[in-house]
Amino acid sequence: METYGIRGIVNQWFKSYLCNRKECVEINYMENISRISERYKSTVKEMKGGVPQGSVLGPVLFLLYKNDLPINTQRGRTTLFADDINTQIEATNITLLHDIIKEVMQQVASWFRLNKLVINPDKTTAISSHAWQNKNNPTPEIIFQDMIIKYKSETKF
């Protein structure tokens, strides 16, 4: 928060909002046949990170949290939108493209580790595009945190 100029009383307010939080999970379950309702509740645990789910401030705080990712990826163009992260990489040949992809994936993986975030592998895809004159669409292997990213022909953006 201090990096963004949030200091003094406002910073203290955010700290009090985010620190020393506790939470538990509660599940209400109803058996279909017997119609018996049961309630399960976990033990209360202290939260060491994150923001309260469903909070008004949660999305804004998450945007501030991930806002520095683009300046930590030097050779890719990173676009952030809500909880989506897109990185565009360009190169003049396949060898250079492969080298840049490897470098950018290492930078992004390092940032994710430092910020204690994980990706959803089911929602992570790659798309390859090329000039219309080039009939060969390159699909170099993309590895992120020991996971091979699959290519798709289209995705939501």
N, C-alpha and C. Protein backbone atom coordinates (compact mmCIF):
# COMPACT_ATOMS: atom_id res chain seq x y z
N MET A 1 0.82 -1.19 0.00
CA MET A 1 0.00 0.00 0.00
C MET A 1 0.87 1.26 0.00
N GLU A 2 1.97 1.19 0.76
CA GLU A 2 2.85 2.36 0.81
C GLU A 2 3.44 2.66 -0.56
N THR A 3 3.71 1.63 -1.36
CA THR A 3 4.24 1.81 -2.70
C THR A 3 3.31 2.69 -3.54
N TYR A 4 2.01 2.58 -3.31
CA TYR A 4 1.03 3.35 -4.06
C TYR A 4 0.67 4.67 -3.39
N GLY A 5 1.42 5.04 -2.34
CA GLY A 5 1.19 6.32 -1.69
C GLY A 5 0.13 6.29 -0.61
N ILE A 6 -0.31 5.09 -0.22
CA ILE A 6 -1.32 4.97 0.84
C ILE A 6 -0.58 4.87 2.16
N ARG A 7 -0.58 5.97 2.90
CA ARG A 7 0.19 6.05 4.14
C ARG A 7 -0.68 6.58 5.26
N GLY A 8 -0.09 6.66 6.43
CA GLY A 8 -0.75 7.27 7.58
C GLY A 8 -1.98 6.51 8.04
N ILE A 9 -3.01 7.27 8.39
CA ILE A 9 -4.23 6.70 8.96
C ILE A 9 -4.90 5.73 7.99
N VAL A 10 -4.92 6.07 6.70
CA VAL A 10 -5.57 5.21 5.71
C VAL A 10 -4.84 3.87 5.63
N ASN A 11 -3.51 3.90 5.65
CA ASN A 11 -2.74 2.66 5.63
C ASN A 11 -3.01 1.84 6.88
N GLN A 12 -3.08 2.49 8.02
CA GLN A 12 -3.38 1.79 9.28
C GLN A 12 -4.77 1.16 9.22
N TRP A 13 -5.71 1.87 8.61
CA TRP A 13 -7.08 1.33 8.48
C TRP A 13 -7.05 0.04 7.65
N PHE A 14 -6.32 0.06 6.51
CA PHE A 14 -6.22 -1.14 5.69
C PHE A 14 -5.55 -2.28 6.45
N LYS A 15 -4.50 -1.96 7.19
CA LYS A 15 -3.82 -2.99 7.98
C LYS A 15 -4.77 -3.62 8.99
N SER A 16 -5.56 -2.79 9.67
CA SER A 16 -6.51 -3.33 10.66
C SER A 16 -7.59 -4.17 9.98
N TYR A 17 -7.92 -3.82 8.75
CA TYR A 17 -8.93 -4.57 7.99
C TYR A 17 -8.39 -5.93 7.56
N LEU A 18 -7.08 -5.99 7.23
CA LEU A 18 -6.51 -7.21 6.67
C LEU A 18 -5.79 -8.11 7.68
N CYS A 19 -5.36 -7.57 8.79
CA CYS A 19 -4.57 -8.35 9.75
C CYS A 19 -5.44 -8.96 10.85
N ASN A 20 -4.93 -10.03 11.42
CA ASN A 20 -5.58 -10.71 12.54
C ASN A 20 -7.00 -11.16 12.22
N ARG A 21 -7.20 -11.64 11.00
CA ARG A 21 -8.53 -12.13 10.59
C ARG A 21 -8.60 -13.62 10.85
N LYS A 22 -9.79 -14.07 11.18
CA LYS A 22 -10.04 -15.50 11.39
C LYS A 22 -11.23 -15.89 10.53
N GLU A 23 -11.24 -17.17 10.12
CA GLU A 23 -12.38 -17.62 9.33
C GLU A 23 -12.62 -19.10 9.55
N CYS A 24 -13.83 -19.52 9.18
CA CYS A 24 -14.17 -20.93 9.19
C CYS A 24 -15.09 -21.18 7.99
N VAL A 25 -15.27 -22.44 7.68
CA VAL A 25 -16.14 -22.83 6.58
C VAL A 25 -17.35 -23.54 7.17
N GLU A 26 -18.52 -23.16 6.68
CA GLU A 26 -19.76 -23.79 7.14
C GLU A 26 -20.52 -24.32 5.94
N ILE A 27 -20.97 -25.56 6.06
CA ILE A 27 -21.73 -26.21 4.98
C ILE A 27 -23.06 -26.69 5.55
N ASN A 28 -24.12 -26.28 4.90
CA ASN A 28 -25.45 -26.79 5.25
C ASN A 28 -25.82 -27.85 4.22
N TYR A 29 -26.13 -29.04 4.68
CA TYR A 29 -26.38 -30.18 3.80
C TYR A 29 -27.75 -30.77 4.12
N MET A 30 -28.54 -31.02 3.06
CA MET A 30 -29.83 -31.68 3.27
C MET A 30 -29.87 -32.95 2.44
N GLU A 31 -30.11 -34.06 3.10
CA GLU A 31 -30.25 -35.37 2.46
C GLU A 31 -31.57 -35.36 1.68
N ASN A 32 -31.53 -35.72 0.40
CA ASN A 32 -32.71 -35.66 -0.47
C ASN A 32 -33.83 -36.61 -0.04
N ILE A 33 -33.50 -37.83 0.29
CA ILE A 33 -34.54 -38.83 0.57
C ILE A 33 -35.16 -38.62 1.95
N SER A 34 -34.34 -38.55 2.98
CA SER A 34 -34.88 -38.44 4.34
C SER A 34 -35.19 -37.00 4.73
N ARG A 35 -34.70 -36.04 3.92
CA ARG A 35 -34.91 -34.61 4.18
C ARG A 35 -34.30 -34.17 5.52
N ILE A 36 -33.30 -34.90 5.98
CA ILE A 36 -32.61 -34.54 7.22
C ILE A 36 -31.55 -33.49 6.89
N SER A 37 -31.57 -32.42 7.62
CA SER A 37 -30.64 -31.32 7.40
C SER A 37 -29.51 -31.40 8.43
N GLU A 38 -28.28 -31.23 7.93
CA GLU A 38 -27.13 -31.24 8.83
C GLU A 38 -26.26 -30.03 8.52
N ARG A 39 -25.57 -29.58 9.53
CA ARG A 39 -24.69 -28.44 9.39
C ARG A 39 -23.29 -28.85 9.83
N TYR A 40 -22.33 -28.57 8.98
CA TYR A 40 -20.94 -28.88 9.28
C TYR A 40 -20.17 -27.56 9.35
N LYS A 41 -19.34 -27.43 10.36
CA LYS A 41 -18.57 -26.21 10.54
C LYS A 41 -17.13 -26.58 10.91
N SER A 42 -16.19 -25.97 10.19
CA SER A 42 -14.78 -26.23 10.48
C SER A 42 -14.35 -25.45 11.72
N THR A 43 -13.15 -25.77 12.17
CA THR A 43 -12.61 -24.99 13.28
C THR A 43 -12.20 -23.62 12.75
N VAL A 44 -12.15 -22.65 13.62
CA VAL A 44 -11.76 -21.30 13.25
C VAL A 44 -10.23 -21.25 13.14
N LYS A 45 -9.75 -20.69 12.04
CA LYS A 45 -8.31 -20.58 11.81
C LYS A 45 -7.95 -19.15 11.47
N GLU A 46 -6.72 -18.77 11.85
CA GLU A 46 -6.24 -17.44 11.52
C GLU A 46 -5.83 -17.40 10.06
N MET A 47 -6.19 -16.34 9.37
CA MET A 47 -5.82 -16.16 7.97
C MET A 47 -4.46 -15.48 7.89
N LYS A 48 -3.58 -16.05 7.08
CA LYS A 48 -2.24 -15.48 6.95
C LYS A 48 -2.10 -14.64 5.68
N GLY A 49 -3.12 -14.64 4.83
CA GLY A 49 -3.07 -13.86 3.59
C GLY A 49 -4.44 -13.79 2.96
N GLY A 50 -4.54 -12.96 1.94
CA GLY A 50 -5.79 -12.84 1.22
C GLY A 50 -6.72 -11.78 1.80
N VAL A 51 -7.87 -11.66 1.18
CA VAL A 51 -8.89 -10.72 1.62
C VAL A 51 -10.18 -11.49 1.85
N PRO A 52 -11.09 -10.93 2.65
CA PRO A 52 -12.36 -11.63 2.90
C PRO A 52 -13.13 -11.84 1.60
N GLN A 53 -13.55 -13.09 1.36
CA GLN A 53 -14.33 -13.37 0.16
C GLN A 53 -15.66 -12.64 0.21
N GLY A 54 -16.06 -12.12 -0.94
CA GLY A 54 -17.33 -11.42 -1.03
C GLY A 54 -17.27 -10.00 -0.53
N SER A 55 -16.10 -9.53 -0.13
CA SER A 55 -16.00 -8.17 0.38
C SER A 55 -15.98 -7.18 -0.77
N VAL A 56 -16.40 -5.97 -0.50
CA VAL A 56 -16.40 -4.91 -1.50
C VAL A 56 -14.96 -4.52 -1.85
N LEU A 57 -14.09 -4.51 -0.85
CA LEU A 57 -12.70 -4.11 -1.08
C LEU A 57 -11.86 -5.20 -1.74
N GLY A 58 -12.30 -6.45 -1.68
CA GLY A 58 -11.52 -7.57 -2.20
C GLY A 58 -11.01 -7.38 -3.62
N PRO A 59 -11.90 -7.08 -4.59
CA PRO A 59 -11.42 -6.91 -5.97
C PRO A 59 -10.43 -5.76 -6.14
N VAL A 60 -10.67 -4.65 -5.44
CA VAL A 60 -9.75 -3.51 -5.55
C VAL A 60 -8.40 -3.86 -4.97
N LEU A 61 -8.40 -4.52 -3.82
CA LEU A 61 -7.13 -4.91 -3.19
C LEU A 61 -6.38 -5.92 -4.06
N PHE A 62 -7.11 -6.83 -4.69
CA PHE A 62 -6.44 -7.80 -5.57
C PHE A 62 -5.81 -7.10 -6.77
N LEU A 63 -6.51 -6.11 -7.32
CA LEU A 63 -5.94 -5.36 -8.45
C LEU A 63 -4.65 -4.64 -8.04
N LEU A 64 -4.66 -4.06 -6.85
CA LEU A 64 -3.44 -3.42 -6.36
C LEU A 64 -2.33 -4.44 -6.14
N TYR A 65 -2.72 -5.61 -5.67
CA TYR A 65 -1.77 -6.69 -5.35
C TYR A 65 -1.03 -7.15 -6.61
N LYS A 66 -1.75 -7.32 -7.70
CA LYS A 66 -1.13 -7.87 -8.91
C LYS A 66 -0.67 -6.80 -9.89
N ASN A 67 -0.86 -5.55 -9.55
CA ASN A 67 -0.61 -4.45 -10.47
C ASN A 67 0.85 -4.33 -10.91
N ASP A 68 1.80 -4.85 -10.16
CA ASP A 68 3.21 -4.71 -10.54
C ASP A 68 3.72 -5.85 -11.41
N LEU A 69 2.88 -6.82 -11.74
CA LEU A 69 3.34 -7.92 -12.60
C LEU A 69 3.90 -7.42 -13.94
N PRO A 70 3.22 -6.52 -14.65
CA PRO A 70 3.77 -6.09 -15.95
C PRO A 70 5.18 -5.51 -15.89
N ILE A 71 5.53 -4.82 -14.82
CA ILE A 71 6.89 -4.25 -14.76
C ILE A 71 7.92 -5.31 -14.38
N ASN A 72 7.48 -6.50 -14.05
CA ASN A 72 8.38 -7.60 -13.73
C ASN A 72 8.53 -8.59 -14.88
N THR A 73 7.91 -8.32 -16.01
CA THR A 73 8.08 -9.13 -17.21
C THR A 73 8.62 -8.21 -18.31
N GLN A 74 9.92 -8.27 -18.53
CA GLN A 74 10.57 -7.30 -19.41
C GLN A 74 10.29 -7.52 -20.91
N ARG A 75 10.18 -8.75 -21.37
CA ARG A 75 10.14 -8.97 -22.81
C ARG A 75 8.76 -9.36 -23.33
N GLY A 76 7.78 -9.40 -22.46
CA GLY A 76 6.41 -9.67 -22.90
C GLY A 76 5.54 -8.48 -22.59
N ARG A 77 4.44 -8.34 -23.29
CA ARG A 77 3.49 -7.27 -23.03
C ARG A 77 2.34 -7.87 -22.22
N THR A 78 2.25 -7.50 -20.96
CA THR A 78 1.27 -8.10 -20.05
C THR A 78 0.06 -7.18 -19.91
N THR A 79 -1.13 -7.78 -20.05
CA THR A 79 -2.39 -7.07 -19.89
C THR A 79 -3.13 -7.68 -18.71
N LEU A 80 -3.60 -6.83 -17.81
CA LEU A 80 -4.34 -7.28 -16.63
C LEU A 80 -5.78 -6.83 -16.76
N PHE A 81 -6.69 -7.74 -16.43
CA PHE A 81 -8.11 -7.38 -16.38
C PHE A 81 -8.77 -8.26 -15.32
N ALA A 82 -9.30 -7.64 -14.28
CA ALA A 82 -9.90 -8.37 -13.16
C ALA A 82 -8.89 -9.42 -12.68
N ASP A 83 -9.27 -10.71 -12.72
CA ASP A 83 -8.32 -11.74 -12.28
C ASP A 83 -7.66 -12.45 -13.45
N ASP A 84 -7.76 -11.88 -14.64
CA ASP A 84 -7.11 -12.45 -15.83
C ASP A 84 -5.78 -11.77 -16.09
N ILE A 85 -4.82 -12.58 -16.52
CA ILE A 85 -3.50 -12.07 -16.89
C ILE A 85 -3.18 -12.61 -18.28
N ASN A 86 -2.85 -11.73 -19.21
CA ASN A 86 -2.49 -12.13 -20.56
C ASN A 86 -1.12 -11.56 -20.89
N THR A 87 -0.28 -12.40 -21.47
CA THR A 87 1.05 -11.95 -21.88
C THR A 87 1.23 -12.22 -23.36
N GLN A 88 1.57 -11.16 -24.10
CA GLN A 88 1.80 -11.28 -25.53
C GLN A 88 3.30 -11.23 -25.78
N ILE A 89 3.77 -12.19 -26.58
CA ILE A 89 5.20 -12.27 -26.88
C ILE A 89 5.35 -12.28 -28.39
N GLU A 90 6.25 -11.45 -28.88
CA GLU A 90 6.50 -11.36 -30.32
C GLU A 90 7.96 -11.64 -30.61
N ALA A 91 8.22 -12.24 -31.77
CA ALA A 91 9.59 -12.50 -32.19
C ALA A 91 9.65 -12.64 -33.71
N THR A 92 10.85 -12.45 -34.26
CA THR A 92 11.03 -12.52 -35.71
C THR A 92 11.32 -13.91 -36.21
N ASN A 93 11.69 -14.84 -35.30
CA ASN A 93 11.92 -16.22 -35.71
C ASN A 93 11.60 -17.16 -34.55
N ILE A 94 11.45 -18.43 -34.86
CA ILE A 94 11.01 -19.42 -33.87
C ILE A 94 12.03 -19.60 -32.74
N THR A 95 13.31 -19.53 -33.04
CA THR A 95 14.33 -19.69 -32.01
C THR A 95 14.26 -18.55 -31.00
N LEU A 96 14.17 -17.34 -31.50
CA LEU A 96 14.05 -16.17 -30.63
C LEU A 96 12.75 -16.23 -29.83
N LEU A 97 11.67 -16.65 -30.49
CA LEU A 97 10.38 -16.77 -29.81
C LEU A 97 10.48 -17.75 -28.63
N HIS A 98 11.09 -18.89 -28.87
CA HIS A 98 11.25 -19.89 -27.81
C HIS A 98 12.05 -19.33 -26.64
N ASP A 99 13.15 -18.62 -26.94
CA ASP A 99 13.99 -18.04 -25.89
C ASP A 99 13.23 -17.00 -25.07
N ILE A 100 12.46 -16.14 -25.74
CA ILE A 100 11.70 -15.10 -25.05
C ILE A 100 10.60 -15.74 -24.19
N ILE A 101 9.91 -16.74 -24.73
CA ILE A 101 8.86 -17.42 -23.96
C ILE A 101 9.45 -17.99 -22.68
N LYS A 102 10.58 -18.68 -22.80
CA LYS A 102 11.22 -19.28 -21.63
C LYS A 102 11.58 -18.21 -20.59
N GLU A 103 12.15 -17.11 -21.04
CA GLU A 103 12.53 -16.02 -20.13
C GLU A 103 11.30 -15.40 -19.45
N VAL A 104 10.26 -15.12 -20.22
CA VAL A 104 9.06 -14.50 -19.65
C VAL A 104 8.37 -15.45 -18.68
N MET A 105 8.29 -16.73 -19.02
CA MET A 105 7.65 -17.69 -18.11
C MET A 105 8.42 -17.81 -16.80
N GLN A 106 9.75 -17.71 -16.87
CA GLN A 106 10.55 -17.74 -15.64
C GLN A 106 10.28 -16.49 -14.80
N GLN A 107 10.16 -15.34 -15.45
CA GLN A 107 9.87 -14.09 -14.73
C GLN A 107 8.48 -14.14 -14.08
N VAL A 108 7.50 -14.61 -14.83
CA VAL A 108 6.14 -14.70 -14.30
C VAL A 108 6.08 -15.71 -13.16
N ALA A 109 6.74 -16.87 -13.32
CA ALA A 109 6.75 -17.89 -12.27
C ALA A 109 7.40 -17.35 -11.00
N SER A 110 8.47 -16.60 -11.16
CA SER A 110 9.14 -16.01 -10.00
C SER A 110 8.21 -15.02 -9.30
N TRP A 111 7.52 -14.19 -10.07
CA TRP A 111 6.59 -13.22 -9.49
C TRP A 111 5.45 -13.94 -8.75
N PHE A 112 4.92 -15.01 -9.36
CA PHE A 112 3.85 -15.78 -8.72
C PHE A 112 4.33 -16.38 -7.40
N ARG A 113 5.54 -16.94 -7.38
CA ARG A 113 6.09 -17.52 -6.15
C ARG A 113 6.22 -16.45 -5.06
N LEU A 114 6.83 -15.33 -5.42
CA LEU A 114 7.04 -14.25 -4.44
C LEU A 114 5.72 -13.72 -3.88
N ASN A 115 4.68 -13.71 -4.71
CA ASN A 115 3.38 -13.18 -4.31
C ASN A 115 2.41 -14.25 -3.84
N LYS A 116 2.91 -15.49 -3.75
CA LYS A 116 2.12 -16.62 -3.22
C LYS A 116 0.80 -16.81 -3.97
N LEU A 117 0.88 -16.76 -5.30
CA LEU A 117 -0.28 -16.99 -6.15
C LEU A 117 -0.05 -18.24 -6.99
N VAL A 118 -1.14 -18.87 -7.39
CA VAL A 118 -1.07 -20.03 -8.27
C VAL A 118 -2.01 -19.80 -9.45
N ILE A 119 -1.71 -20.47 -10.55
CA ILE A 119 -2.60 -20.35 -11.71
C ILE A 119 -3.58 -21.51 -11.71
N ASN A 120 -4.67 -21.32 -12.40
CA ASN A 120 -5.63 -22.39 -12.63
C ASN A 120 -5.26 -23.06 -13.95
N PRO A 121 -4.69 -24.26 -13.93
CA PRO A 121 -4.23 -24.88 -15.17
C PRO A 121 -5.37 -25.15 -16.17
N ASP A 122 -6.60 -25.31 -15.68
CA ASP A 122 -7.73 -25.55 -16.58
C ASP A 122 -8.11 -24.29 -17.36
N LYS A 123 -7.74 -23.12 -16.87
CA LYS A 123 -8.09 -21.87 -17.53
C LYS A 123 -6.89 -21.22 -18.21
N THR A 124 -5.76 -21.91 -18.22
CA THR A 124 -4.55 -21.34 -18.79
C THR A 124 -4.33 -21.91 -20.19
N THR A 125 -4.27 -21.02 -21.18
CA THR A 125 -4.12 -21.46 -22.57
C THR A 125 -3.14 -20.56 -23.30
N ALA A 126 -2.71 -21.04 -24.44
CA ALA A 126 -1.84 -20.26 -25.32
C ALA A 126 -2.49 -20.19 -26.68
N ILE A 127 -2.25 -19.10 -27.37
CA ILE A 127 -2.72 -18.92 -28.75
C ILE A 127 -1.53 -18.43 -29.56
N SER A 128 -1.38 -18.97 -30.74
CA SER A 128 -0.29 -18.56 -31.62
C SER A 128 -0.89 -17.87 -32.84
N SER A 129 -0.30 -16.75 -33.22
CA SER A 129 -0.75 -16.06 -34.44
C SER A 129 0.47 -15.73 -35.28
N HIS A 130 0.22 -15.47 -36.54
CA HIS A 130 1.32 -15.21 -37.46
C HIS A 130 0.82 -14.35 -38.61
N ALA A 131 1.74 -13.82 -39.38
CA ALA A 131 1.38 -13.04 -40.56
C ALA A 131 0.67 -13.95 -41.56
N TRP A 132 -0.28 -13.40 -42.30
CA TRP A 132 -1.08 -14.23 -43.21
C TRP A 132 -0.22 -14.85 -44.31
N GLN A 133 0.90 -14.23 -44.63
CA GLN A 133 1.78 -14.78 -45.67
C GLN A 133 2.47 -16.06 -45.20
N ASN A 134 2.68 -16.16 -43.91
CA ASN A 134 3.37 -17.31 -43.36
C ASN A 134 2.35 -18.43 -43.12
N LYS A 135 2.48 -19.51 -43.82
CA LYS A 135 1.53 -20.63 -43.70
C LYS A 135 1.83 -21.53 -42.51
N ASN A 136 2.97 -21.34 -41.88
CA ASN A 136 3.38 -22.17 -40.76
C ASN A 136 3.13 -21.43 -39.44
N ASN A 137 2.15 -21.90 -38.67
CA ASN A 137 1.82 -21.26 -37.40
C ASN A 137 2.67 -21.88 -36.30
N PRO A 138 3.62 -21.12 -35.73
CA PRO A 138 4.52 -21.69 -34.72
C PRO A 138 3.79 -21.95 -33.39
N THR A 139 4.09 -23.08 -32.79
CA THR A 139 3.54 -23.41 -31.47
C THR A 139 4.66 -23.98 -30.60
N PRO A 140 5.60 -23.13 -30.22
CA PRO A 140 6.69 -23.61 -29.37
C PRO A 140 6.16 -24.05 -28.02
N GLU A 141 6.84 -25.00 -27.42
CA GLU A 141 6.41 -25.49 -26.11
C GLU A 141 6.51 -24.38 -25.07
N ILE A 142 5.44 -24.25 -24.27
CA ILE A 142 5.42 -23.26 -23.19
C ILE A 142 5.29 -24.02 -21.88
N ILE A 143 6.27 -23.84 -21.02
CA ILE A 143 6.26 -24.51 -19.71
C ILE A 143 6.20 -23.44 -18.63
N PHE A 144 5.22 -23.58 -17.76
CA PHE A 144 5.07 -22.67 -16.63
C PHE A 144 4.98 -23.50 -15.36
N GLN A 145 5.96 -23.33 -14.48
CA GLN A 145 6.01 -24.07 -13.21
C GLN A 145 5.81 -25.58 -13.45
N ASP A 146 6.59 -26.15 -14.32
CA ASP A 146 6.58 -27.58 -14.65
C ASP A 146 5.28 -28.05 -15.30
N MET A 147 4.47 -27.13 -15.79
CA MET A 147 3.22 -27.49 -16.46
C MET A 147 3.30 -27.02 -17.91
N ILE A 148 2.95 -27.91 -18.83
CA ILE A 148 2.93 -27.54 -20.24
C ILE A 148 1.61 -26.84 -20.53
N ILE A 149 1.70 -25.63 -21.08
CA ILE A 149 0.52 -24.84 -21.43
C ILE A 149 0.04 -25.31 -22.80
N LYS A 150 -1.24 -25.65 -22.88
CA LYS A 150 -1.82 -26.15 -24.13
C LYS A 150 -2.25 -24.99 -25.03
N TYR A 151 -2.13 -25.22 -26.32
CA TYR A 151 -2.57 -24.24 -27.32
C TYR A 151 -4.04 -24.48 -27.65
N LYS A 152 -4.73 -23.39 -27.93
CA LYS A 152 -6.11 -23.44 -28.42
C LYS A 152 -6.22 -22.54 -29.62
N SER A 153 -7.24 -22.75 -30.42
CA SER A 153 -7.42 -21.91 -31.60
C SER A 153 -8.16 -20.62 -31.25
N GLU A 154 -8.87 -20.61 -30.11
CA GLU A 154 -9.57 -19.39 -29.67
C GLU A 154 -9.73 -19.40 -28.16
N THR A 155 -9.95 -18.23 -27.60
CA THR A 155 -10.16 -18.10 -26.16
C THR A 155 -10.90 -16.80 -25.90
N LYS A 156 -11.47 -16.67 -24.72
CA LYS A 156 -12.11 -15.41 -24.33
C LYS A 156 -11.04 -14.45 -23.88
N PHE A 157 -11.21 -13.19 -24.22
CA PHE A 157 -10.26 -12.15 -23.79
C PHE A 157 -11.05 -10.95 -23.32
